[in-house]
Amino acid sequence: MNTHPSSRVSASACRGKRPAFTLVELLVVVMVIAIVAAVVLPASSGSQATALQAAGRSVASDIDYARHLAVTMNTKIRLTFDVSGNRYLIEPVDASIQLPASPFASPEDTAGRQVIRLDDFPGLGMPVRLAGVSEGSGPPATSYTLEFDTLGDSGNTEPVYVWLACGSGQATRYIATAVMPVTGETLLGDVTAAAPGSAVAAASLP
């Protein structure tokens, strides 16, 4: 009986040559899933609290993504928050390093920089804006750089709070995404009517 062993070996060899995903590619997929879950799922409600919570989770996902990039690419990654532009940037400290392509690419993106504008967040129901970034109990700054090293450590000794706002005047509501020191873990605070930097707002922090 002819069992054609060479055919079996050939088929097995072909199966063994399937391309594998890289860790960075898998990281991008996880980021996509996290952002879709954070923004699209709560989109049925147009309340300020819902919009702030969805935007806060998206910011947290991007911060987690930047931290994991620093670890998986073995290079320092920084996020630069720009309140006046209502945006933040993700880029390597070493300008010669390129980032993996983002499925949410902006026309402003380059090979070494990703630009995320809060105005482009989908499904929020109402506009959400950056309100400032603070360290610990300090006042919020309108421009701030957060940097992760190759171990995912931000080097901060206090939590960093990325504040978001929705609404205007007395109807303005706020929420903070916290980046914990050493671990870089992100936590979402509670929605509050108190402006960032106030003692009342501090009670809403995670």
Foldseek 3Di string as FASTA:
>chain_A
DDPPVVVVVVVVVVVVPDDDDDPLRVLLVVLVVQLCCLAVVLLVDQDFQSLQRSVLSNVLSVLVSLLVCQQRVQFKWKKKAAQVQQKIKIFTPPQVDFHPDHPPADPPDDRGMGIGHQVPRPRSNFGKGWDFKDFALDAGDNIDMFMAHNVSFRPDPGKMWTKMWGDDDQPIKIWTWIQGGPNRRTDTWGIGSDHRNDPVVVVRGD
